[in-house]
Amino acid sequence: LIRIQVVLMLGMLPLQLGWFQQLSLVS
């Protein structure tokens, strides 16, 4: 589960910044 969340956190970073201009370290 941790591995999946790390993959999502990094992989979705460009899309999240483009849409929301935010980065969360507690996700």
PDB file of all heavy atoms in Angstrom:
ATOM      1  N   LEU A   1       0.829  -1.204   0.000  1.00  0.00           N
ATOM      2  CA  LEU A   1       0.000   0.000   0.000  1.00  0.00           C
ATOM      3  C   LEU A   1       0.867   1.259   0.000  1.00  0.00           C
ATOM      4  O   LEU A   1       0.576   2.229  -0.713  1.00  0.00           O
ATOM      5  CB  LEU A   1      -0.933  -0.008   1.217  1.00  0.00           C
ATOM      6  CG  LEU A   1      -1.931   1.153   1.321  1.00  0.00           C
ATOM      7  CD1 LEU A   1      -2.857   1.186   0.117  1.00  0.00           C
ATOM      8  CD2 LEU A   1      -2.748   1.042   2.614  1.00  0.00           C
ATOM      9  N   ILE A   2       1.935   1.249   0.784  1.00  0.00           N
ATOM     10  CA  ILE A   2       2.839   2.404   0.814  1.00  0.00           C
ATOM     11  C   ILE A   2       3.493   2.599  -0.552  1.00  0.00           C
ATOM     12  O   ILE A   2       3.618   3.739  -1.039  1.00  0.00           O
ATOM     13  CB  ILE A   2       3.907   2.220   1.917  1.00  0.00           C
ATOM     14  CG1 ILE A   2       3.244   2.253   3.297  1.00  0.00           C
ATOM     15  CG2 ILE A   2       4.982   3.290   1.804  1.00  0.00           C
ATOM     16  CD1 ILE A   2       4.203   1.962   4.433  1.00  0.00           C
ATOM     17  N   ARG A   3       3.893   1.494  -1.185  1.00  0.00           N
ATOM     18  CA  ARG A   3       4.517   1.597  -2.505  1.00  0.00           C
ATOM     19  C   ARG A   3       3.542   2.206  -3.520  1.00  0.00           C
ATOM     20  O   ARG A   3       3.912   3.065  -4.337  1.00  0.00           O
ATOM     21  CB  ARG A   3       4.964   0.222  -2.975  1.00  0.00           C
ATOM     22  CG  ARG A   3       5.682   0.230  -4.309  1.00  0.00           C
ATOM     23  CD  ARG A   3       6.071  -1.176  -4.730  1.00  0.00           C
ATOM     24  NE  ARG A   3       7.000  -1.790  -3.780  1.00  0.00           N
ATOM     25  CZ  ARG A   3       7.463  -3.032  -3.898  1.00  0.00           C
ATOM     26  NH1 ARG A   3       7.065  -3.785  -4.906  1.00  0.00           N
ATOM     27  NH2 ARG A   3       8.296  -3.519  -3.005  1.00  0.00           N
ATOM     28  N   ILE A   4       2.285   1.785  -3.463  1.00  0.00           N
ATOM     29  CA  ILE A   4       1.277   2.330  -4.378  1.00  0.00           C
ATOM     30  C   ILE A   4       1.113   3.829  -4.167  1.00  0.00           C
ATOM     31  O   ILE A   4       1.049   4.615  -5.123  1.00  0.00           O
ATOM     32  CB  ILE A   4      -0.067   1.601  -4.184  1.00  0.00           C
ATOM     33  CG1 ILE A   4       0.036   0.165  -4.695  1.00  0.00           C
ATOM     34  CG2 ILE A   4      -1.189   2.337  -4.899  1.00  0.00           C
ATOM     35  CD1 ILE A   4      -1.187  -0.674  -4.395  1.00  0.00           C
ATOM     36  N   GLN A   5       1.063   4.250  -2.907  1.00  0.00           N
ATOM     37  CA  GLN A   5       0.852   5.675  -2.616  1.00  0.00           C
ATOM     38  C   GLN A   5       2.061   6.522  -3.016  1.00  0.00           C
ATOM     39  O   GLN A   5       1.904   7.655  -3.476  1.00  0.00           O
ATOM     40  CB  GLN A   5       0.550   5.873  -1.126  1.00  0.00           C
ATOM     41  CG  GLN A   5      -0.763   5.260  -0.689  1.00  0.00           C
ATOM     42  CD  GLN A   5      -1.920   5.745  -1.535  1.00  0.00           C
ATOM     43  OE1 GLN A   5      -2.066   6.935  -1.805  1.00  0.00           O
ATOM     44  NE2 GLN A   5      -2.761   4.812  -1.963  1.00  0.00           N
ATOM     45  N   VAL A   6       3.265   5.980  -2.864  1.00  0.00           N
ATOM     46  CA  VAL A   6       4.459   6.711  -3.301  1.00  0.00           C
ATOM     47  C   VAL A   6       4.448   6.879  -4.820  1.00  0.00           C
ATOM     48  O   VAL A   6       4.758   7.960  -5.354  1.00  0.00           O
ATOM     49  CB  VAL A   6       5.738   5.984  -2.839  1.00  0.00           C
ATOM     50  CG1 VAL A   6       6.964   6.608  -3.481  1.00  0.00           C
ATOM     51  CG2 VAL A   6       5.859   6.045  -1.322  1.00  0.00           C
ATOM     52  N   VAL A   7       4.074   5.807  -5.522  1.00  0.00           N
ATOM     53  CA  VAL A   7       3.987   5.886  -6.981  1.00  0.00           C
ATOM     54  C   VAL A   7       2.965   6.933  -7.401  1.00  0.00           C
ATOM     55  O   VAL A   7       3.215   7.748  -8.297  1.00  0.00           O
ATOM     56  CB  VAL A   7       3.624   4.500  -7.558  1.00  0.00           C
ATOM     57  CG1 VAL A   7       3.216   4.621  -9.020  1.00  0.00           C
ATOM     58  CG2 VAL A   7       4.805   3.556  -7.417  1.00  0.00           C
ATOM     59  N   LEU A   8       1.795   6.947  -6.759  1.00  0.00           N
ATOM     60  CA  LEU A   8       0.761   7.930  -7.100  1.00  0.00           C
ATOM     61  C   LEU A   8       1.206   9.345  -6.759  1.00  0.00           C
ATOM     62  O   LEU A   8       0.957  10.292  -7.521  1.00  0.00           O
ATOM     63  CB  LEU A   8      -0.536   7.591  -6.366  1.00  0.00           C
ATOM     64  CG  LEU A   8      -1.365   6.443  -6.929  1.00  0.00           C
ATOM     65  CD1 LEU A   8      -2.583   6.187  -6.050  1.00  0.00           C
ATOM     66  CD2 LEU A   8      -1.805   6.754  -8.348  1.00  0.00           C
ATOM     67  N   MET A   9       1.859   9.529  -5.610  1.00  0.00           N
ATOM     68  CA  MET A   9       2.245  10.868  -5.184  1.00  0.00           C
ATOM     69  C   MET A   9       3.216  11.503  -6.174  1.00  0.00           C
ATOM     70  O   MET A   9       3.075  12.672  -6.542  1.00  0.00           O
ATOM     71  CB  MET A   9       2.866  10.831  -3.783  1.00  0.00           C
ATOM     72  CG  MET A   9       3.189  12.213  -3.206  1.00  0.00           C
ATOM     73  SD  MET A   9       3.755  12.130  -1.495  1.00  0.00           S
ATOM     74  CE  MET A   9       5.306  11.251  -1.704  1.00  0.00           C
ATOM     75  N   LEU A  10       4.188  10.731  -6.630  1.00  0.00           N
ATOM     76  CA  LEU A  10       5.159  11.267  -7.585  1.00  0.00           C
ATOM     77  C   LEU A  10       4.592  11.319  -9.007  1.00  0.00           C
ATOM     78  O   LEU A  10       4.793  12.296  -9.733  1.00  0.00           O
ATOM     79  CB  LEU A  10       6.430  10.426  -7.565  1.00  0.00           C
ATOM     80  CG  LEU A  10       7.352  10.610  -6.361  1.00  0.00           C
ATOM     81  CD1 LEU A  10       8.523   9.654  -6.446  1.00  0.00           C
ATOM     82  CD2 LEU A  10       7.848  12.043  -6.275  1.00  0.00           C
ATOM     83  N   GLY A  11       3.882  10.269  -9.402  1.00  0.00           N
ATOM     84  CA  GLY A  11       3.386  10.212 -10.771  1.00  0.00           C
ATOM     85  C   GLY A  11       2.319  11.240 -11.074  1.00  0.00           C
ATOM     86  O   GLY A  11       2.214  11.734 -12.202  1.00  0.00           O
ATOM     87  N   MET A  12       1.508  11.586 -10.062  1.00  0.00           N
ATOM     88  CA  MET A  12       0.435  12.554 -10.281  1.00  0.00           C
ATOM     89  C   MET A  12       0.897  13.985 -10.036  1.00  0.00           C
ATOM     90  O   MET A  12       0.106  14.924 -10.178  1.00  0.00           O
ATOM     91  CB  MET A  12      -0.738  12.241  -9.351  1.00  0.00           C
ATOM     92  CG  MET A  12      -1.329  10.856  -9.544  1.00  0.00           C
ATOM     93  SD  MET A  12      -2.036  10.619 -11.178  1.00  0.00           S
ATOM     94  CE  MET A  12      -3.488  11.634 -11.048  1.00  0.00           C
ATOM     95  N   LEU A  13       2.167  14.170  -9.672  1.00  0.00           N
ATOM     96  CA  LEU A  13       2.667  15.505  -9.351  1.00  0.00           C
ATOM     97  C   LEU A  13       2.495  16.503 -10.503  1.00  0.00           C
ATOM     98  O   LEU A  13       1.977  17.614 -10.283  1.00  0.00           O
ATOM     99  CB  LEU A  13       4.135  15.420  -8.929  1.00  0.00           C
ATOM    100  CG  LEU A  13       4.830  16.736  -8.583  1.00  0.00           C
ATOM    101  CD1 LEU A  13       4.168  17.371  -7.369  1.00  0.00           C
ATOM    102  CD2 LEU A  13       6.306  16.517  -8.313  1.00  0.00           C
ATOM    103  N   PRO A  14       2.892  16.198 -11.742  1.00  0.00           N
ATOM    104  CA  PRO A  14       2.708  17.183 -12.819  1.00  0.00           C
ATOM    105  C   PRO A  14       1.246  17.569 -13.030  1.00  0.00           C
ATOM    106  O   PRO A  14       0.927  18.747 -13.247  1.00  0.00           O
ATOM    107  CB  PRO A  14       3.286  16.475 -14.048  1.00  0.00           C
ATOM    108  CG  PRO A  14       4.221  15.453 -13.511  1.00  0.00           C
ATOM    109  CD  PRO A  14       3.600  14.999 -12.229  1.00  0.00           C
ATOM    110  N   LEU A  15       0.350  16.578 -12.950  1.00  0.00           N
ATOM    111  CA  LEU A  15      -1.070  16.858 -13.171  1.00  0.00           C
ATOM    112  C   LEU A  15      -1.654  17.692 -12.034  1.00  0.00           C
ATOM    113  O   LEU A  15      -2.445  18.611 -12.255  1.00  0.00           O
ATOM    114  CB  LEU A  15      -1.828  15.542 -13.319  1.00  0.00           C
ATOM    115  CG  LEU A  15      -3.192  15.608 -14.008  1.00  0.00           C
ATOM    116  CD1 LEU A  15      -3.067  16.192 -15.399  1.00  0.00           C
ATOM    117  CD2 LEU A  15      -3.811  14.219 -14.060  1.00  0.00           C
ATOM    118  N   GLN A  16      -1.290  17.384 -10.809  1.00  0.00           N
ATOM    119  CA  GLN A  16      -1.800  18.139  -9.666  1.00  0.00           C
ATOM    120  C   GLN A  16      -1.326  19.588  -9.694  1.00  0.00           C
ATOM    121  O   GLN A  16      -2.092  20.512  -9.405  1.00  0.00           O
ATOM    122  CB  GLN A  16      -1.365  17.466  -8.366  1.00  0.00           C
ATOM    123  CG  GLN A  16      -2.103  16.172  -8.076  1.00  0.00           C
ATOM    124  CD  GLN A  16      -1.649  15.539  -6.779  1.00  0.00           C
ATOM    125  OE1 GLN A  16      -0.577  15.854  -6.259  1.00  0.00           O
ATOM    126  NE2 GLN A  16      -2.448  14.622  -6.244  1.00  0.00           N
ATOM    127  N   LEU A  17      -0.055  19.785 -10.038  1.00  0.00           N
ATOM    128  CA  LEU A  17       0.444  21.158 -10.109  1.00  0.00           C
ATOM    129  C   LEU A  17      -0.237  21.930 -11.234  1.00  0.00           C
ATOM    130  O   LEU A  17      -0.530  23.119 -11.097  1.00  0.00           O
ATOM    131  CB  LEU A  17       1.959  21.154 -10.309  1.00  0.00           C
ATOM    132  CG  LEU A  17       2.801  20.724  -9.106  1.00  0.00           C
ATOM    133  CD1 LEU A  17       4.275  20.741  -9.464  1.00  0.00           C
ATOM    134  CD2 LEU A  17       2.547  21.635  -7.915  1.00  0.00           C
ATOM    135  N   GLY A  18      -0.469  21.270 -12.355  1.00  0.00           N
ATOM    136  CA  GLY A  18      -1.119  21.937 -13.468  1.00  0.00           C
ATOM    137  C   GLY A  18      -2.547  22.331 -13.170  1.00  0.00           C
ATOM    138  O   GLY A  18      -2.998  23.412 -13.568  1.00  0.00           O
ATOM    139  N   TRP A  19      -3.281  21.481 -12.453  1.00  0.00           N
ATOM    140  CA  TRP A  19      -4.683  21.764 -12.170  1.00  0.00           C
ATOM    141  C   TRP A  19      -4.871  22.635 -10.944  1.00  0.00           C
ATOM    142  O   TRP A  19      -5.696  23.561 -10.940  1.00  0.00           O
ATOM    143  CB  TRP A  19      -5.448  20.449 -11.955  1.00  0.00           C
ATOM    144  CG  TRP A  19      -5.961  19.845 -13.210  1.00  0.00           C
ATOM    145  CD1 TRP A  19      -5.410  18.802 -13.903  1.00  0.00           C
ATOM    146  CD2 TRP A  19      -7.115  20.222 -13.966  1.00  0.00           C
ATOM    147  NE1 TRP A  19      -6.148  18.511 -15.025  1.00  0.00           N
ATOM    148  CE2 TRP A  19      -7.210  19.367 -15.081  1.00  0.00           C
ATOM    149  CE3 TRP A  19      -8.091  21.211 -13.795  1.00  0.00           C
ATOM    150  CZ2 TRP A  19      -8.235  19.468 -16.015  1.00  0.00           C
ATOM    151  CZ3 TRP A  19      -9.111  21.306 -14.737  1.00  0.00           C
ATOM    152  CH2 TRP A  19      -9.172  20.448 -15.823  1.00  0.00           C
ATOM    153  N   PHE A  20      -4.152  22.344  -9.864  1.00  0.00           N
ATOM    154  CA  PHE A  20      -4.454  22.958  -8.572  1.00  0.00           C
ATOM    155  C   PHE A  20      -3.357  23.873  -8.033  1.00  0.00           C
ATOM    156  O   PHE A  20      -3.569  24.551  -7.031  1.00  0.00           O
ATOM    157  CB  PHE A  20      -4.738  21.872  -7.528  1.00  0.00           C
ATOM    158  CG  PHE A  20      -5.756  20.857  -7.972  1.00  0.00           C
ATOM    159  CD1 PHE A  20      -5.389  19.543  -8.204  1.00  0.00           C
ATOM    160  CD2 PHE A  20      -7.070  21.225  -8.176  1.00  0.00           C
ATOM    161  CE1 PHE A  20      -6.323  18.606  -8.621  1.00  0.00           C
ATOM    162  CE2 PHE A  20      -8.014  20.304  -8.587  1.00  0.00           C
ATOM    163  CZ  PHE A  20      -7.633  18.981  -8.809  1.00  0.00           C
ATOM    164  N   GLN A  21      -2.162  23.871  -8.648  1.00  0.00           N
ATOM    165  CA  GLN A  21      -1.044  24.654  -8.157  1.00  0.00           C
ATOM    166  C   GLN A  21      -0.761  24.379  -6.680  1.00  0.00           C
ATOM    167  O   GLN A  21      -0.434  25.270  -5.909  1.00  0.00           O
ATOM    168  CB  GLN A  21      -1.272  26.168  -8.347  1.00  0.00           C
ATOM    169  CG  GLN A  21      -1.251  26.627  -9.789  1.00  0.00           C
ATOM    170  CD  GLN A  21      -2.584  26.443 -10.454  1.00  0.00           C
ATOM    171  OE1 GLN A  21      -3.613  26.792  -9.872  1.00  0.00           O
ATOM    172  NE2 GLN A  21      -2.604  25.932 -11.660  1.00  0.00           N
ATOM    173  N   GLN A  22      -0.913  23.118  -6.284  1.00  0.00           N
ATOM    174  CA  GLN A  22      -0.676  22.728  -4.903  1.00  0.00           C
ATOM    175  C   GLN A  22       0.084  21.407  -4.850  1.00  0.00           C
ATOM    176  O   GLN A  22      -0.052  20.563  -5.739  1.00  0.00           O
ATOM    177  CB  GLN A  22      -1.991  22.574  -4.134  1.00  0.00           C
ATOM    178  CG  GLN A  22      -2.630  23.885  -3.710  1.00  0.00           C
ATOM    179  CD  GLN A  22      -3.808  23.657  -2.790  1.00  0.00           C
ATOM    180  OE1 GLN A  22      -4.328  22.552  -2.667  1.00  0.00           O
ATOM    181  NE2 GLN A  22      -4.254  24.709  -2.132  1.00  0.00           N
ATOM    182  N   LEU A  23       0.854  21.257  -3.789  1.00  0.00           N
ATOM    183  CA  LEU A  23       1.592  20.029  -3.532  1.00  0.00           C
ATOM    184  C   LEU A  23       1.419  19.682  -2.066  1.00  0.00           C
ATOM    185  O   LEU A  23       1.674  20.513  -1.195  1.00  0.00           O
ATOM    186  CB  LEU A  23       3.080  20.211  -3.878  1.00  0.00           C
ATOM    187  CG  LEU A  23       4.024  19.081  -3.470  1.00  0.00           C
ATOM    188  CD1 LEU A  23       3.678  17.813  -4.233  1.00  0.00           C
ATOM    189  CD2 LEU A  23       5.469  19.474  -3.717  1.00  0.00           C
ATOM    190  N   SER A  24       0.953  18.488  -1.783  1.00  0.00           N
ATOM    191  CA  SER A  24       0.715  18.071  -0.402  1.00  0.00           C
ATOM    192  C   SER A  24       1.714  17.006   0.003  1.00  0.00           C
ATOM    193  O   SER A  24       1.913  16.008  -0.714  1.00  0.00           O
ATOM    194  CB  SER A  24      -0.710  17.531  -0.234  1.00  0.00           C
ATOM    195  OG  SER A  24      -0.901  17.066   1.093  1.00  0.00           O
ATOM    196  N   LEU A  25       2.337  17.196   1.158  1.00  0.00           N
ATOM    197  CA  LEU A  25       3.286  16.223   1.696  1.00  0.00           C
ATOM    198  C   LEU A  25       2.629  15.289   2.708  1.00  0.00           C
ATOM    199  O   LEU A  25       3.305  14.407   3.246  1.00  0.00           O
ATOM    200  CB  LEU A  25       4.464  16.950   2.344  1.00  0.00           C
ATOM    201  CG  LEU A  25       5.310  17.815   1.404  1.00  0.00           C
ATOM    202  CD1 LEU A  25       6.490  18.436   2.160  1.00  0.00           C
ATOM    203  CD2 LEU A  25       5.821  17.006   0.210  1.00  0.00           C
ATOM    204  N   VAL A  26       1.332  15.493   2.975  1.00  0.00           N
ATOM    205  CA  VAL A  26       0.635  14.610   3.912  1.00  0.00           C
ATOM    206  C   VAL A  26      -0.325  13.680   3.179  1.00  0.00           C
ATOM    207  O   VAL A  26      -1.111  12.982   3.815  1.00  0.00           O
ATOM    208  CB  VAL A  26      -0.135  15.429   4.972  1.00  0.00           C
ATOM    209  CG1 VAL A  26       0.812  16.310   5.757  1.00  0.00           C
ATOM    210  CG2 VAL A  26      -1.239  16.257   4.325  1.00  0.00           C
ATOM    211  N   SER A  27      -0.278  13.690   1.851  1.00  0.00           N
ATOM    212  CA  SER A  27      -1.180  12.806   1.109  1.00  0.00           C
ATOM    213  C   SER A  27      -0.890  11.343   1.392  1.00  0.00           C
ATOM    214  O   SER A  27      -1.810  10.510   1.435  1.00  0.00           O
ATOM    215  CB  SER A  27      -1.068  13.088  -0.391  1.00  0.00           C
ATOM    216  OG  SER A  27       0.257  12.864  -0.857  1.00  0.00           O
TER     217      SER A  27
END
